[in-house]
Amino acid sequence: MAKLEQNLYGEFDEILKRIEEGILNGSVSASLEDSSDFYEGTARCSVRVFERYSYAGGNRVSLNVTLFQNGGAIRLSAITSGGSQAMFWKVNTWGEEAFLDKLRELL
């Protein structure tokens, strides 16, 4: 598992659109598996779950992206999963790191 957390500044919808389009256009095997959006007063939360095939790892990996804002900065939490081929421990997490690197490029 790989994780990225940071504050972002800008317009919520533009950042979300840049992430969605960038991930989906960044790999021929990338797909948006599901999404969810919540609003409560001034707070907003969007969750996106992406998946793609990892050539380096020879398997599929997922990327979960959460954006949260309640005035001020937009909080980003991105977590990858599924990149290991071992049964009991993590070996070969290259695909997870590569997926997260693509998000870093977009930000």
C-alpha atoms as a PDB file:
ATOM      1  CA  MET A   1       0.000   0.000   0.000  1.00  0.00           C
ATOM      2  CA  ALA A   2       1.200   3.504  -0.798  1.00  0.00           C
ATOM      3  CA  LYS A   3      -0.345   6.708   0.518  1.00  0.00           C
ATOM      4  CA  LEU A   4      -0.262  10.416  -0.314  1.00  0.00           C
ATOM      5  CA  GLU A   5      -1.864  13.118   1.817  1.00  0.00           C
ATOM      6  CA  GLN A   6      -1.621  16.845   1.253  1.00  0.00           C
ATOM      7  CA  ASN A   7      -3.445  20.167   1.195  1.00  0.00           C
ATOM      8  CA  LEU A   8      -4.490  21.542  -2.178  1.00  0.00           C
ATOM      9  CA  TYR A   9      -5.552  25.056  -3.068  1.00  0.00           C
ATOM     10  CA  GLY A  10      -7.847  25.976  -5.909  1.00  0.00           C
ATOM     11  CA  GLU A  11     -11.369  25.260  -7.091  1.00  0.00           C
ATOM     12  CA  PHE A  12     -12.716  21.898  -5.876  1.00  0.00           C
ATOM     13  CA  ASP A  13     -14.461  20.893  -9.121  1.00  0.00           C
ATOM     14  CA  GLU A  14     -11.440  21.794 -11.271  1.00  0.00           C
ATOM     15  CA  ILE A  15      -9.079  19.747  -9.106  1.00  0.00           C
ATOM     16  CA  LEU A  16     -11.457  16.779  -9.116  1.00  0.00           C
ATOM     17  CA  LYS A  17     -11.854  16.984 -12.900  1.00  0.00           C
ATOM     18  CA  ARG A  18      -8.062  17.206 -13.415  1.00  0.00           C
ATOM     19  CA  ILE A  19      -7.571  14.095 -11.265  1.00  0.00           C
ATOM     20  CA  GLU A  20     -10.337  12.097 -12.979  1.00  0.00           C
ATOM     21  CA  GLU A  21      -9.281  12.979 -16.521  1.00  0.00           C
ATOM     22  CA  GLY A  22      -5.575  12.652 -15.788  1.00  0.00           C
ATOM     23  CA  ILE A  23      -5.873   9.185 -14.272  1.00  0.00           C
ATOM     24  CA  LEU A  24      -8.235   7.892 -16.957  1.00  0.00           C
ATOM     25  CA  ASN A  25      -6.177   9.344 -19.814  1.00  0.00           C
ATOM     26  CA  GLY A  26      -2.879   8.293 -18.239  1.00  0.00           C
ATOM     27  CA  SER A  27      -3.287   4.561 -18.870  1.00  0.00           C
ATOM     28  CA  VAL A  28      -5.185   2.558 -21.476  1.00  0.00           C
ATOM     29  CA  SER A  29      -6.293   0.110 -18.774  1.00  0.00           C
ATOM     30  CA  ALA A  30      -7.409   2.733 -16.209  1.00  0.00           C
ATOM     31  CA  SER A  31     -11.066   2.787 -15.226  1.00  0.00           C
ATOM     32  CA  LEU A  32     -13.232   4.642 -12.742  1.00  0.00           C
ATOM     33  CA  GLU A  33     -14.749   1.820 -10.702  1.00  0.00           C
ATOM     34  CA  ASP A  34     -17.052   3.922  -8.532  1.00  0.00           C
ATOM     35  CA  SER A  35     -17.552   7.378  -7.062  1.00  0.00           C
ATOM     36  CA  SER A  36     -19.368   9.073  -4.225  1.00  0.00           C
ATOM     37  CA  ASP A  37     -20.058  12.711  -3.362  1.00  0.00           C
ATOM     38  CA  PHE A  38     -21.310  14.171  -0.080  1.00  0.00           C
ATOM     39  CA  TYR A  39     -22.386  17.680   0.870  1.00  0.00           C
ATOM     40  CA  GLU A  40     -23.256  18.897   4.364  1.00  0.00           C
ATOM     41  CA  GLY A  41     -23.520  22.628   4.955  1.00  0.00           C
ATOM     42  CA  THR A  42     -20.240  24.093   3.713  1.00  0.00           C
ATOM     43  CA  ALA A  43     -18.435  20.729   3.818  1.00  0.00           C
ATOM     44  CA  ARG A  44     -17.860  18.660   0.708  1.00  0.00           C
ATOM     45  CA  CYS A  45     -16.336  15.221   0.207  1.00  0.00           C
ATOM     46  CA  SER A  46     -15.688  13.343  -3.055  1.00  0.00           C
ATOM     47  CA  VAL A  47     -14.375   9.793  -3.256  1.00  0.00           C
ATOM     48  CA  ARG A  48     -13.108   8.140  -6.444  1.00  0.00           C
ATOM     49  CA  VAL A  49     -11.921   4.558  -6.874  1.00  0.00           C
ATOM     50  CA  PHE A  50      -9.761   3.900  -9.922  1.00  0.00           C
ATOM     51  CA  GLU A  51      -8.241   0.658 -11.133  1.00  0.00           C
ATOM     52  CA  ARG A  52      -5.629  -0.192 -13.746  1.00  0.00           C
ATOM     53  CA  TYR A  53      -3.402  -3.009 -14.874  1.00  0.00           C
ATOM     54  CA  SER A  54       0.202  -2.812 -13.673  1.00  0.00           C
ATOM     55  CA  TYR A  55       2.639  -4.106 -16.268  1.00  0.00           C
ATOM     56  CA  ALA A  56       5.475  -3.888 -13.730  1.00  0.00           C
ATOM     57  CA  GLY A  57       3.631  -6.032 -11.203  1.00  0.00           C
ATOM     58  CA  GLY A  58       1.619  -8.167 -13.595  1.00  0.00           C
ATOM     59  CA  ASN A  59      -1.629  -7.498 -11.711  1.00  0.00           C
ATOM     60  CA  ARG A  60      -4.375  -4.928 -11.191  1.00  0.00           C
ATOM     61  CA  VAL A  61      -4.020  -2.119  -8.668  1.00  0.00           C
ATOM     62  CA  SER A  62      -6.562   0.301  -7.240  1.00  0.00           C
ATOM     63  CA  LEU A  63      -6.241   3.958  -6.330  1.00  0.00           C
ATOM     64  CA  ASN A  64      -8.711   5.488  -3.891  1.00  0.00           C
ATOM     65  CA  VAL A  65      -8.791   9.289  -3.940  1.00  0.00           C
ATOM     66  CA  THR A  66     -10.681  11.353  -1.357  1.00  0.00           C
ATOM     67  CA  LEU A  67     -11.040  15.137  -1.528  1.00  0.00           C
ATOM     68  CA  PHE A  68     -12.520  16.951   1.471  1.00  0.00           C
ATOM     69  CA  GLN A  69     -13.178  20.662   1.980  1.00  0.00           C
ATOM     70  CA  ASN A  70     -14.937  22.608   4.695  1.00  0.00           C
ATOM     71  CA  GLY A  71     -13.786  26.093   3.792  1.00  0.00           C
ATOM     72  CA  GLY A  72     -10.120  26.783   3.157  1.00  0.00           C
ATOM     73  CA  ALA A  73      -7.752  24.128   1.874  1.00  0.00           C
ATOM     74  CA  ILE A  74      -8.879  20.980   0.105  1.00  0.00           C
ATOM     75  CA  ARG A  75      -7.556  17.876   1.864  1.00  0.00           C
ATOM     76  CA  LEU A  76      -6.442  15.041  -0.385  1.00  0.00           C
ATOM     77  CA  SER A  77      -5.955  11.459   0.742  1.00  0.00           C
ATOM     78  CA  ALA A  78      -4.912   8.919  -1.894  1.00  0.00           C
ATOM     79  CA  ILE A  79      -4.254   5.260  -1.111  1.00  0.00           C
ATOM     80  CA  THR A  80      -3.274   2.475  -3.499  1.00  0.00           C
ATOM     81  CA  SER A  81      -3.842  -1.227  -2.984  1.00  0.00           C
ATOM     82  CA  GLY A  82      -3.616  -4.586  -4.698  1.00  0.00           C
ATOM     83  CA  GLY A  83      -0.079  -4.461  -6.027  1.00  0.00           C
ATOM     84  CA  SER A  84       1.372  -7.463  -4.226  1.00  0.00           C
ATOM     85  CA  GLN A  85       1.617 -10.981  -5.599  1.00  0.00           C
ATOM     86  CA  ALA A  86       2.470 -12.748  -2.352  1.00  0.00           C
ATOM     87  CA  MET A  87      -0.050 -14.572  -0.196  1.00  0.00           C
ATOM     88  CA  PHE A  88       1.045 -13.480   3.303  1.00  0.00           C
ATOM     89  CA  TRP A  89       3.212 -10.346   2.882  1.00  0.00           C
ATOM     90  CA  LYS A  90       3.770  -7.497   0.490  1.00  0.00           C
ATOM     91  CA  VAL A  91       6.357  -8.072  -2.225  1.00  0.00           C
ATOM     92  CA  ASN A  92       6.430  -6.176  -5.490  1.00  0.00           C
ATOM     93  CA  THR A  93       4.549  -2.951  -4.799  1.00  0.00           C
ATOM     94  CA  TRP A  94       5.926  -1.217  -7.916  1.00  0.00           C
ATOM     95  CA  GLY A  95       2.503  -0.962  -9.515  1.00  0.00           C
ATOM     96  CA  GLU A  96       1.033   0.784  -6.492  1.00  0.00           C
ATOM     97  CA  GLU A  97       3.862   3.324  -6.375  1.00  0.00           C
ATOM     98  CA  ALA A  98       3.619   3.953 -10.128  1.00  0.00           C
ATOM     99  CA  PHE A  99      -0.140   4.583  -9.864  1.00  0.00           C
ATOM    100  CA  LEU A 100       0.419   7.061  -7.036  1.00  0.00           C
ATOM    101  CA  ASP A 101       3.255   8.717  -9.000  1.00  0.00           C
ATOM    102  CA  LYS A 102       0.766   9.438 -11.800  1.00  0.00           C
ATOM    103  CA  LEU A 103      -1.432  11.289  -9.310  1.00  0.00           C
ATOM    104  CA  ARG A 104       1.589  13.220  -8.001  1.00  0.00           C
ATOM    105  CA  GLU A 105       2.305  14.368 -11.582  1.00  0.00           C
ATOM    106  CA  LEU A 106      -1.270  15.644 -11.934  1.00  0.00           C
ATOM    107  CA  LEU A 107      -1.114  17.645  -8.719  1.00  0.00           C
END
